[in-house]
Amino acid sequence: MAILRASEIREMSIEEMKEKLVELKKELLKENVHKAVSGAPSNPGRVKELKRTIARILTIMNEKKRQIA
């Protein structure tokens, strides 16, 4: 469930974004461990999508924080 659109993220509160960010980072860590153990990622596209979604959440969080300030 890594695919989150920017519009979906913008509807979330900051706290929901933080929770989702932790969840995605844990999932990315699991993928990286799997890659380190087996030598090849089970799904390389999944790793890329996780990284993009994490970056998307961080970007939107920063936008919201700037609007508040």
PDB file of N, CA and C in Angstrom:
ATOM      1  N   MET A   1       0.824  -1.187   0.000  1.00  0.00           N
ATOM      2  CA  MET A   1       0.000   0.000   0.000  1.00  0.00           C
ATOM      3  C   MET A   1       0.871   1.254   0.000  1.00  0.00           C
ATOM      4  N   ALA A   2       1.898   1.255  -0.790  1.00  0.00           N
ATOM      5  CA  ALA A   2       2.813   2.387  -0.812  1.00  0.00           C
ATOM      6  C   ALA A   2       2.338   3.492  -1.741  1.00  0.00           C
ATOM      7  N   ILE A   3       1.457   3.179  -2.661  1.00  0.00           N
ATOM      8  CA  ILE A   3       1.061   4.185  -3.628  1.00  0.00           C
ATOM      9  C   ILE A   3       0.042   5.125  -3.001  1.00  0.00           C
ATOM     10  N   LEU A   4       0.497   6.340  -2.759  1.00  0.00           N
ATOM     11  CA  LEU A   4      -0.382   7.393  -2.263  1.00  0.00           C
ATOM     12  C   LEU A   4      -0.257   8.583  -3.199  1.00  0.00           C
ATOM     13  N   ARG A   5      -1.340   9.061  -3.658  1.00  0.00           N
ATOM     14  CA  ARG A   5      -1.338  10.223  -4.533  1.00  0.00           C
ATOM     15  C   ARG A   5      -1.178  11.484  -3.684  1.00  0.00           C
ATOM     16  N   ALA A   6      -0.676  12.528  -4.292  1.00  0.00           N
ATOM     17  CA  ALA A   6      -0.465  13.795  -3.586  1.00  0.00           C
ATOM     18  C   ALA A   6      -1.784  14.331  -3.032  1.00  0.00           C
ATOM     19  N   SER A   7      -2.855  14.169  -3.784  1.00  0.00           N
ATOM     20  CA  SER A   7      -4.162  14.659  -3.315  1.00  0.00           C
ATOM     21  C   SER A   7      -4.615  13.904  -2.064  1.00  0.00           C
ATOM     22  N   GLU A   8      -4.319  12.606  -1.997  1.00  0.00           N
ATOM     23  CA  GLU A   8      -4.682  11.814  -0.818  1.00  0.00           C
ATOM     24  C   GLU A   8      -3.867  12.255   0.396  1.00  0.00           C
ATOM     25  N   ILE A   9      -2.599  12.549   0.162  1.00  0.00           N
ATOM     26  CA  ILE A   9      -1.724  12.965   1.259  1.00  0.00           C
ATOM     27  C   ILE A   9      -2.147  14.331   1.778  1.00  0.00           C
ATOM     28  N   ARG A  10      -2.521  15.234   0.884  1.00  0.00           N
ATOM     29  CA  ARG A  10      -2.928  16.586   1.296  1.00  0.00           C
ATOM     30  C   ARG A  10      -4.182  16.571   2.169  1.00  0.00           C
ATOM     31  N   GLU A  11      -5.005  15.539   2.028  1.00  0.00           N
ATOM     32  CA  GLU A  11      -6.218  15.423   2.835  1.00  0.00           C
ATOM     33  C   GLU A  11      -5.914  14.959   4.256  1.00  0.00           C
ATOM     34  N   MET A  12      -4.713  14.403   4.479  1.00  0.00           N
ATOM     35  CA  MET A  12      -4.335  13.902   5.798  1.00  0.00           C
ATOM     36  C   MET A  12      -3.893  15.050   6.700  1.00  0.00           C
ATOM     37  N   SER A  13      -3.994  14.799   8.010  1.00  0.00           N
ATOM     38  CA  SER A  13      -3.438  15.747   8.975  1.00  0.00           C
ATOM     39  C   SER A  13      -1.947  15.469   9.113  1.00  0.00           C
ATOM     40  N   ILE A  14      -1.238  16.366   9.774  1.00  0.00           N
ATOM     41  CA  ILE A  14       0.198  16.201   9.978  1.00  0.00           C
ATOM     42  C   ILE A  14       0.476  14.909  10.759  1.00  0.00           C
ATOM     43  N   GLU A  15      -0.336  14.633  11.760  1.00  0.00           N
ATOM     44  CA  GLU A  15      -0.147  13.422  12.573  1.00  0.00           C
ATOM     45  C   GLU A  15      -0.349  12.157  11.737  1.00  0.00           C
ATOM     46  N   GLU A  16      -1.353  12.158  10.882  1.00  0.00           N
ATOM     47  CA  GLU A  16      -1.583  11.000  10.015  1.00  0.00           C
ATOM     48  C   GLU A  16      -0.403  10.801   9.063  1.00  0.00           C
ATOM     49  N   MET A  17       0.137  11.917   8.575  1.00  0.00           N
ATOM     50  CA  MET A  17       1.300  11.835   7.688  1.00  0.00           C
ATOM     51  C   MET A  17       2.503  11.248   8.414  1.00  0.00           C
ATOM     52  N   LYS A  18       2.694  11.658   9.663  1.00  0.00           N
ATOM     53  CA  LYS A  18       3.818  11.131  10.443  1.00  0.00           C
ATOM     54  C   LYS A  18       3.673   9.633  10.648  1.00  0.00           C
ATOM     55  N   GLU A  19       2.463   9.178  10.948  1.00  0.00           N
ATOM     56  CA  GLU A  19       2.212   7.748  11.143  1.00  0.00           C
ATOM     57  C   GLU A  19       2.477   6.974   9.848  1.00  0.00           C
ATOM     58  N   LYS A  20       2.008   7.501   8.743  1.00  0.00           N
ATOM     59  CA  LYS A  20       2.199   6.838   7.453  1.00  0.00           C
ATOM     60  C   LYS A  20       3.680   6.809   7.088  1.00  0.00           C
ATOM     61  N   LEU A  21       4.385   7.881   7.421  1.00  0.00           N
ATOM     62  CA  LEU A  21       5.815   7.965   7.143  1.00  0.00           C
ATOM     63  C   LEU A  21       6.584   6.883   7.899  1.00  0.00           C
ATOM     64  N   VAL A  22       6.250   6.687   9.161  1.00  0.00           N
ATOM     65  CA  VAL A  22       6.897   5.639   9.963  1.00  0.00           C
ATOM     66  C   VAL A  22       6.611   4.272   9.357  1.00  0.00           C
ATOM     67  N   GLU A  23       5.376   4.044   8.974  1.00  0.00           N
ATOM     68  CA  GLU A  23       4.975   2.766   8.386  1.00  0.00           C
ATOM     69  C   GLU A  23       5.747   2.494   7.085  1.00  0.00           C
ATOM     70  N   LEU A  24       5.863   3.508   6.241  1.00  0.00           N
ATOM     71  CA  LEU A  24       6.560   3.337   4.971  1.00  0.00           C
ATOM     72  C   LEU A  24       8.060   3.127   5.168  1.00  0.00           C
ATOM     73  N   LYS A  25       8.637   3.822   6.148  1.00  0.00           N
ATOM     74  CA  LYS A  25      10.063   3.657   6.410  1.00  0.00           C
ATOM     75  C   LYS A  25      10.361   2.244   6.925  1.00  0.00           C
ATOM     76  N   LYS A  26       9.461   1.699   7.746  1.00  0.00           N
ATOM     77  CA  LYS A  26       9.624   0.322   8.221  1.00  0.00           C
ATOM     78  C   LYS A  26       9.555  -0.655   7.055  1.00  0.00           C
ATOM     79  N   GLU A  27       8.623  -0.402   6.153  1.00  0.00           N
ATOM     80  CA  GLU A  27       8.469  -1.273   4.992  1.00  0.00           C
ATOM     81  C   GLU A  27       9.711  -1.199   4.091  1.00  0.00           C
ATOM     82  N   LEU A  28      10.256   0.001   3.918  1.00  0.00           N
ATOM     83  CA  LEU A  28      11.468   0.167   3.124  1.00  0.00           C
ATOM     84  C   LEU A  28      12.647  -0.552   3.780  1.00  0.00           C
ATOM     85  N   LEU A  29      12.726  -0.468   5.083  1.00  0.00           N
ATOM     86  CA  LEU A  29      13.784  -1.158   5.814  1.00  0.00           C
ATOM     87  C   LEU A  29      13.690  -2.673   5.596  1.00  0.00           C
ATOM     88  N   LYS A  30      12.486  -3.215   5.636  1.00  0.00           N
ATOM     89  CA  LYS A  30      12.291  -4.650   5.407  1.00  0.00           C
ATOM     90  C   LYS A  30      12.753  -5.037   4.003  1.00  0.00           C
ATOM     91  N   GLU A  31      12.416  -4.201   3.028  1.00  0.00           N
ATOM     92  CA  GLU A  31      12.840  -4.478   1.654  1.00  0.00           C
ATOM     93  C   GLU A  31      14.361  -4.438   1.535  1.00  0.00           C
ATOM     94  N   ASN A  32      14.992  -3.471   2.201  1.00  0.00           N
ATOM     95  CA  ASN A  32      16.446  -3.359   2.147  1.00  0.00           C
ATOM     96  C   ASN A  32      17.121  -4.545   2.827  1.00  0.00           C
ATOM     97  N   VAL A  33      16.553  -5.019   3.924  1.00  0.00           N
ATOM     98  CA  VAL A  33      17.092  -6.196   4.611  1.00  0.00           C
ATOM     99  C   VAL A  33      16.958  -7.416   3.703  1.00  0.00           C
ATOM    100  N   HIS A  34      15.816  -7.546   3.072  1.00  0.00           N
ATOM    101  CA  HIS A  34      15.596  -8.673   2.166  1.00  0.00           C
ATOM    102  C   HIS A  34      16.613  -8.630   1.026  1.00  0.00           C
ATOM    103  N   LYS A  35      16.884  -7.442   0.513  1.00  0.00           N
ATOM    104  CA  LYS A  35      17.857  -7.279  -0.563  1.00  0.00           C
ATOM    105  C   LYS A  35      19.264  -7.655  -0.086  1.00  0.00           C
ATOM    106  N   ALA A  36      19.599  -7.264   1.142  1.00  0.00           N
ATOM    107  CA  ALA A  36      20.925  -7.556   1.679  1.00  0.00           C
ATOM    108  C   ALA A  36      21.110  -9.055   1.921  1.00  0.00           C
ATOM    109  N   VAL A  37      20.066  -9.722   2.350  1.00  0.00           N
ATOM    110  CA  VAL A  37      20.161 -11.147   2.672  1.00  0.00           C
ATOM    111  C   VAL A  37      20.181 -11.996   1.400  1.00  0.00           C
ATOM    112  N   SER A  38      19.282 -11.711   0.488  1.00  0.00           N
ATOM    113  CA  SER A  38      19.164 -12.559  -0.698  1.00  0.00           C
ATOM    114  C   SER A  38      20.014 -12.082  -1.872  1.00  0.00           C
ATOM    115  N   GLY A  39      20.490 -10.843  -1.835  1.00  0.00           N
ATOM    116  CA  GLY A  39      21.330 -10.332  -2.910  1.00  0.00           C
ATOM    117  C   GLY A  39      20.564  -9.593  -3.978  1.00  0.00           C
ATOM    118  N   ALA A  40      19.265  -9.815  -4.052  1.00  0.00           N
ATOM    119  CA  ALA A  40      18.455  -9.123  -5.045  1.00  0.00           C
ATOM    120  C   ALA A  40      17.104  -8.782  -4.430  1.00  0.00           C
ATOM    121  N   PRO A  41      16.579  -7.605  -4.709  1.00  0.00           N
ATOM    122  CA  PRO A  41      15.270  -7.260  -4.159  1.00  0.00           C
ATOM    123  C   PRO A  41      14.173  -8.109  -4.803  1.00  0.00           C
ATOM    124  N   SER A  42      13.175  -8.430  -4.010  1.00  0.00           N
ATOM    125  CA  SER A  42      12.080  -9.243  -4.531  1.00  0.00           C
ATOM    126  C   SER A  42      11.280  -8.467  -5.571  1.00  0.00           C
ATOM    127  N   ASN A  43      11.180  -7.160  -5.368  1.00  0.00           N
ATOM    128  CA  ASN A  43      10.438  -6.318  -6.291  1.00  0.00           C
ATOM    129  C   ASN A  43      11.111  -4.945  -6.339  1.00  0.00           C
ATOM    130  N   PRO A  44      12.006  -4.712  -7.280  1.00  0.00           N
ATOM    131  CA  PRO A  44      12.744  -3.443  -7.317  1.00  0.00           C
ATOM    132  C   PRO A  44      11.832  -2.235  -7.512  1.00  0.00           C
ATOM    133  N   GLY A  45      10.747  -2.408  -8.198  1.00  0.00           N
ATOM    134  CA  GLY A  45       9.808  -1.311  -8.401  1.00  0.00           C
ATOM    135  C   GLY A  45       9.160  -0.876  -7.106  1.00  0.00           C
ATOM    136  N   ARG A  46       8.996  -1.803  -6.203  1.00  0.00           N
ATOM    137  CA  ARG A  46       8.402  -1.519  -4.895  1.00  0.00           C
ATOM    138  C   ARG A  46       9.304  -0.590  -4.090  1.00  0.00           C
ATOM    139  N   VAL A  47      10.606  -0.836  -4.117  1.00  0.00           N
ATOM    140  CA  VAL A  47      11.563  -0.003  -3.387  1.00  0.00           C
ATOM    141  C   VAL A  47      11.507   1.421  -3.927  1.00  0.00           C
ATOM    142  N   LYS A  48      11.496   1.548  -5.236  1.00  0.00           N
ATOM    143  CA  LYS A  48      11.443   2.867  -5.869  1.00  0.00           C
ATOM    144  C   LYS A  48      10.167   3.606  -5.483  1.00  0.00           C
ATOM    145  N   GLU A  49       9.046   2.904  -5.498  1.00  0.00           N
ATOM    146  CA  GLU A  49       7.775   3.534  -5.160  1.00  0.00           C
ATOM    147  C   GLU A  49       7.726   3.937  -3.687  1.00  0.00           C
ATOM    148  N   LEU A  50       8.296   3.122  -2.808  1.00  0.00           N
ATOM    149  CA  LEU A  50       8.358   3.463  -1.390  1.00  0.00           C
ATOM    150  C   LEU A  50       9.157   4.751  -1.185  1.00  0.00           C
ATOM    151  N   LYS A  51      10.314   4.844  -1.841  1.00  0.00           N
ATOM    152  CA  LYS A  51      11.146   6.036  -1.708  1.00  0.00           C
ATOM    153  C   LYS A  51      10.424   7.275  -2.225  1.00  0.00           C
ATOM    154  N   ARG A  52       9.747   7.145  -3.335  1.00  0.00           N
ATOM    155  CA  ARG A  52       9.012   8.282  -3.902  1.00  0.00           C
ATOM    156  C   ARG A  52       7.872   8.725  -2.998  1.00  0.00           C
ATOM    157  N   THR A  53       7.170   7.759  -2.429  1.00  0.00           N
ATOM    158  CA  THR A  53       6.050   8.089  -1.552  1.00  0.00           C
ATOM    159  C   THR A  53       6.548   8.767  -0.280  1.00  0.00           C
ATOM    160  N   ILE A  54       7.658   8.298   0.266  1.00  0.00           N
ATOM    161  CA  ILE A  54       8.246   8.929   1.444  1.00  0.00           C
ATOM    162  C   ILE A  54       8.615  10.375   1.124  1.00  0.00           C
ATOM    163  N   ALA A  55       9.249  10.584  -0.010  1.00  0.00           N
ATOM    164  CA  ALA A  55       9.635  11.936  -0.421  1.00  0.00           C
ATOM    165  C   ALA A  55       8.405  12.811  -0.627  1.00  0.00           C
ATOM    166  N   ARG A  56       7.364  12.249  -1.195  1.00  0.00           N
ATOM    167  CA  ARG A  56       6.121  12.989  -1.440  1.00  0.00           C
ATOM    168  C   ARG A  56       5.503  13.440  -0.116  1.00  0.00           C
ATOM    169  N   ILE A  57       5.475  12.549   0.863  1.00  0.00           N
ATOM    170  CA  ILE A  57       4.906  12.890   2.173  1.00  0.00           C
ATOM    171  C   ILE A  57       5.731  13.985   2.837  1.00  0.00           C
ATOM    172  N   LEU A  58       7.056  13.849   2.811  1.00  0.00           N
ATOM    173  CA  LEU A  58       7.910  14.862   3.432  1.00  0.00           C
ATOM    174  C   LEU A  58       7.732  16.227   2.768  1.00  0.00           C
ATOM    175  N   THR A  59       7.603  16.246   1.455  1.00  0.00           N
ATOM    176  CA  THR A  59       7.417  17.498   0.729  1.00  0.00           C
ATOM    177  C   THR A  59       6.115  18.169   1.130  1.00  0.00           C
ATOM    178  N   ILE A  60       5.044  17.412   1.180  1.00  0.00           N
ATOM    179  CA  ILE A  60       3.743  17.983   1.521  1.00  0.00           C
ATOM    180  C   ILE A  60       3.703  18.408   2.984  1.00  0.00           C
ATOM    181  N   MET A  61       4.385  17.658   3.863  1.00  0.00           N
ATOM    182  CA  MET A  61       4.465  18.068   5.269  1.00  0.00           C
ATOM    183  C   MET A  61       5.152  19.427   5.385  1.00  0.00           C
ATOM    184  N   ASN A  62       6.248  19.620   4.652  1.00  0.00           N
ATOM    185  CA  ASN A  62       6.949  20.901   4.678  1.00  0.00           C
ATOM    186  C   ASN A  62       6.088  22.026   4.119  1.00  0.00           C
ATOM    187  N   GLU A  63       5.323  21.740   3.079  1.00  0.00           N
ATOM    188  CA  GLU A  63       4.423  22.756   2.524  1.00  0.00           C
ATOM    189  C   GLU A  63       3.397  23.193   3.565  1.00  0.00           C
ATOM    190  N   LYS A  64       2.815  22.213   4.259  1.00  0.00           N
ATOM    191  CA  LYS A  64       1.814  22.532   5.280  1.00  0.00           C
ATOM    192  C   LYS A  64       2.417  23.314   6.431  1.00  0.00           C
ATOM    193  N   LYS A  65       3.628  22.952   6.848  1.00  0.00           N
ATOM    194  CA  LYS A  65       4.275  23.667   7.946  1.00  0.00           C
ATOM    195  C   LYS A  65       4.563  25.121   7.560  1.00  0.00           C
ATOM    196  N   ARG A  66       4.940  25.342   6.320  1.00  0.00           N
ATOM    197  CA  ARG A  66       5.208  26.715   5.866  1.00  0.00           C
ATOM    198  C   ARG A  66       3.931  27.537   5.795  1.00  0.00           C
ATOM    199  N   GLN A  67       2.829  26.910   5.450  1.00  0.00           N
ATOM    200  CA  GLN A  67       1.547  27.622   5.404  1.00  0.00           C
ATOM    201  C   GLN A  67       1.105  28.049   6.785  1.00  0.00           C
ATOM    202  N   ILE A  68       1.388  27.210   7.779  1.00  0.00           N
ATOM    203  CA  ILE A  68       1.012  27.522   9.161  1.00  0.00           C
ATOM    204  C   ILE A  68       1.840  28.677   9.688  1.00  0.00           C
ATOM    205  N   ALA A  69       3.118  28.674   9.368  1.00  0.00           N
ATOM    206  CA  ALA A  69       4.035  29.703   9.890  1.00  0.00           C
ATOM    207  C   ALA A  69       3.900  31.034   9.180  1.00  0.00           C
TER     208      ALA A  69
END
